[in-house]
Amino acid sequence: MVVRNAQHYLRVPGGRAEPCDIVAVDIDRCLQRLDAMQSKAILMAFYFGLSHTELAKTFGVPLGTMKSTIRRGLAKLKECLDPGDVSG
């Protein structure tokens, strides 16, 4: 998981980082690697609770396109956060 390599992602001078801080840094780093539409849609869905239908209307794309965009973005996030996971 992400925390095992924490020293590579977050260095806190004179102190220790909390695991939640490390995970947040990793998620942000991985979100930046996504396409703009993928990262914005995922953020809007998870932080603001927008449905796929609301996101499709907001971005002006068909519902199926939005579902695919989010699904591909989440798959990329999973790969970025745990590249050693070969289970799926």
C-alpha atoms as a PDB file:
ATOM      1  CA  MET A   1       0.000   0.000   0.000  1.00  0.00           C
ATOM      2  CA  VAL A   2       0.940   3.654  -0.083  1.00  0.00           C
ATOM      3  CA  VAL A   3       2.176   4.082   3.480  1.00  0.00           C
ATOM      4  CA  ARG A   4       5.044   1.585   3.170  1.00  0.00           C
ATOM      5  CA  ASN A   5       6.878   4.004   0.868  1.00  0.00           C
ATOM      6  CA  ALA A   6       5.897   7.144   2.733  1.00  0.00           C
ATOM      7  CA  GLN A   7       9.408   8.542   3.045  1.00  0.00           C
ATOM      8  CA  HIS A   8       9.518   8.983  -0.724  1.00  0.00           C
ATOM      9  CA  TYR A   9       6.342  11.046  -0.875  1.00  0.00           C
ATOM     10  CA  LEU A  10       6.314  13.249   2.196  1.00  0.00           C
ATOM     11  CA  ARG A  11       9.136  14.585   4.292  1.00  0.00           C
ATOM     12  CA  VAL A  12       8.217  16.500   7.409  1.00  0.00           C
ATOM     13  CA  PRO A  13      11.137  18.476   8.859  1.00  0.00           C
ATOM     14  CA  GLY A  14      11.609  17.711  12.534  1.00  0.00           C
ATOM     15  CA  GLY A  15       8.516  15.562  12.796  1.00  0.00           C
ATOM     16  CA  ARG A  16       6.560  12.598  11.578  1.00  0.00           C
ATOM     17  CA  ALA A  17       3.730  12.561   9.103  1.00  0.00           C
ATOM     18  CA  GLU A  18       0.446  10.952   9.983  1.00  0.00           C
ATOM     19  CA  PRO A  19      -0.642   8.093   7.676  1.00  0.00           C
ATOM     20  CA  CYS A  20      -3.708  10.064   6.530  1.00  0.00           C
ATOM     21  CA  ASP A  21      -1.428  12.939   5.441  1.00  0.00           C
ATOM     22  CA  ILE A  22       0.720  10.545   3.433  1.00  0.00           C
ATOM     23  CA  VAL A  23      -2.277   8.974   1.727  1.00  0.00           C
ATOM     24  CA  ALA A  24      -3.679  12.417   0.877  1.00  0.00           C
ATOM     25  CA  VAL A  25      -0.371  13.410  -0.728  1.00  0.00           C
ATOM     26  CA  ASP A  26      -0.332  10.192  -2.762  1.00  0.00           C
ATOM     27  CA  ILE A  27      -3.924  10.606  -3.898  1.00  0.00           C
ATOM     28  CA  ASP A  28      -3.212  14.171  -4.983  1.00  0.00           C
ATOM     29  CA  ARG A  29      -0.087  13.054  -6.838  1.00  0.00           C
ATOM     30  CA  CYS A  30      -2.018  10.311  -8.621  1.00  0.00           C
ATOM     31  CA  LEU A  31      -4.960  12.599  -9.463  1.00  0.00           C
ATOM     32  CA  GLN A  32      -2.514  14.918 -11.217  1.00  0.00           C
ATOM     33  CA  ARG A  33      -1.528  12.045 -13.524  1.00  0.00           C
ATOM     34  CA  LEU A  34      -5.096  11.587 -14.783  1.00  0.00           C
ATOM     35  CA  ASP A  35      -6.703  13.349 -17.712  1.00  0.00           C
ATOM     36  CA  ALA A  36      -8.270  16.647 -16.640  1.00  0.00           C
ATOM     37  CA  MET A  37     -11.812  15.356 -17.152  1.00  0.00           C
ATOM     38  CA  GLN A  38     -11.110  12.182 -15.182  1.00  0.00           C
ATOM     39  CA  SER A  39      -9.633  13.972 -12.191  1.00  0.00           C
ATOM     40  CA  LYS A  40     -12.328  16.674 -12.115  1.00  0.00           C
ATOM     41  CA  ALA A  41     -15.145  14.141 -12.431  1.00  0.00           C
ATOM     42  CA  ILE A  42     -13.727  11.933  -9.670  1.00  0.00           C
ATOM     43  CA  LEU A  43     -13.207  14.897  -7.352  1.00  0.00           C
ATOM     44  CA  MET A  44     -16.699  16.242  -8.009  1.00  0.00           C
ATOM     45  CA  ALA A  45     -18.259  12.803  -7.474  1.00  0.00           C
ATOM     46  CA  PHE A  46     -16.453  11.961  -4.255  1.00  0.00           C
ATOM     47  CA  TYR A  47     -16.060  15.359  -2.611  1.00  0.00           C
ATOM     48  CA  PHE A  48     -19.315  16.984  -3.681  1.00  0.00           C
ATOM     49  CA  GLY A  49     -21.476  13.887  -4.091  1.00  0.00           C
ATOM     50  CA  LEU A  50     -22.511  14.512  -7.687  1.00  0.00           C
ATOM     51  CA  SER A  51     -24.107  11.566  -9.466  1.00  0.00           C
ATOM     52  CA  HIS A  52     -22.913  10.267 -12.818  1.00  0.00           C
ATOM     53  CA  THR A  53     -25.974  11.861 -14.402  1.00  0.00           C
ATOM     54  CA  GLU A  54     -25.198  15.256 -12.846  1.00  0.00           C
ATOM     55  CA  LEU A  55     -21.571  14.996 -13.931  1.00  0.00           C
ATOM     56  CA  ALA A  56     -22.551  14.076 -17.498  1.00  0.00           C
ATOM     57  CA  LYS A  57     -24.783  17.160 -17.679  1.00  0.00           C
ATOM     58  CA  THR A  58     -22.064  19.358 -16.145  1.00  0.00           C
ATOM     59  CA  PHE A  59     -19.437  18.200 -18.638  1.00  0.00           C
ATOM     60  CA  GLY A  60     -21.880  18.049 -21.556  1.00  0.00           C
ATOM     61  CA  VAL A  61     -21.190  14.409 -22.378  1.00  0.00           C
ATOM     62  CA  PRO A  62     -23.427  11.324 -22.620  1.00  0.00           C
ATOM     63  CA  LEU A  63     -24.009   9.356 -19.415  1.00  0.00           C
ATOM     64  CA  GLY A  64     -22.149   6.306 -20.750  1.00  0.00           C
ATOM     65  CA  THR A  65     -19.106   8.439 -21.546  1.00  0.00           C
ATOM     66  CA  MET A  66     -19.073   9.833 -18.011  1.00  0.00           C
ATOM     67  CA  LYS A  67     -19.367   6.362 -16.468  1.00  0.00           C
ATOM     68  CA  SER A  68     -16.453   5.147 -18.604  1.00  0.00           C
ATOM     69  CA  THR A  69     -14.400   8.229 -17.771  1.00  0.00           C
ATOM     70  CA  ILE A  70     -14.829   7.692 -14.045  1.00  0.00           C
ATOM     71  CA  ARG A  71     -14.235   3.931 -14.260  1.00  0.00           C
ATOM     72  CA  ARG A  72     -10.994   4.391 -16.240  1.00  0.00           C
ATOM     73  CA  GLY A  73      -9.849   7.156 -13.901  1.00  0.00           C
ATOM     74  CA  LEU A  74     -10.447   5.010 -10.816  1.00  0.00           C
ATOM     75  CA  ALA A  75      -8.540   2.136 -12.421  1.00  0.00           C
ATOM     76  CA  LYS A  76      -5.588   4.474 -13.064  1.00  0.00           C
ATOM     77  CA  LEU A  77      -5.757   5.738  -9.478  1.00  0.00           C
ATOM     78  CA  LYS A  78      -5.678   2.187  -8.143  1.00  0.00           C
ATOM     79  CA  GLU A  79      -2.679   1.347 -10.303  1.00  0.00           C
ATOM     80  CA  CYS A  80      -0.859   4.507  -9.234  1.00  0.00           C
ATOM     81  CA  LEU A  81      -1.561   4.007  -5.537  1.00  0.00           C
ATOM     82  CA  ASP A  82      -0.672   0.318  -5.452  1.00  0.00           C
ATOM     83  CA  PRO A  83       1.394  -0.602  -8.537  1.00  0.00           C
ATOM     84  CA  GLY A  84       2.369  -3.980  -7.038  1.00  0.00           C
ATOM     85  CA  ASP A  85      -1.237  -5.195  -6.844  1.00  0.00           C
ATOM     86  CA  VAL A  86      -1.796  -7.798  -9.536  1.00  0.00           C
ATOM     87  CA  SER A  87      -5.144  -9.074  -8.248  1.00  0.00           C
ATOM     88  CA  GLY A  88      -7.320  -7.243 -10.663  1.00  0.00           C
END
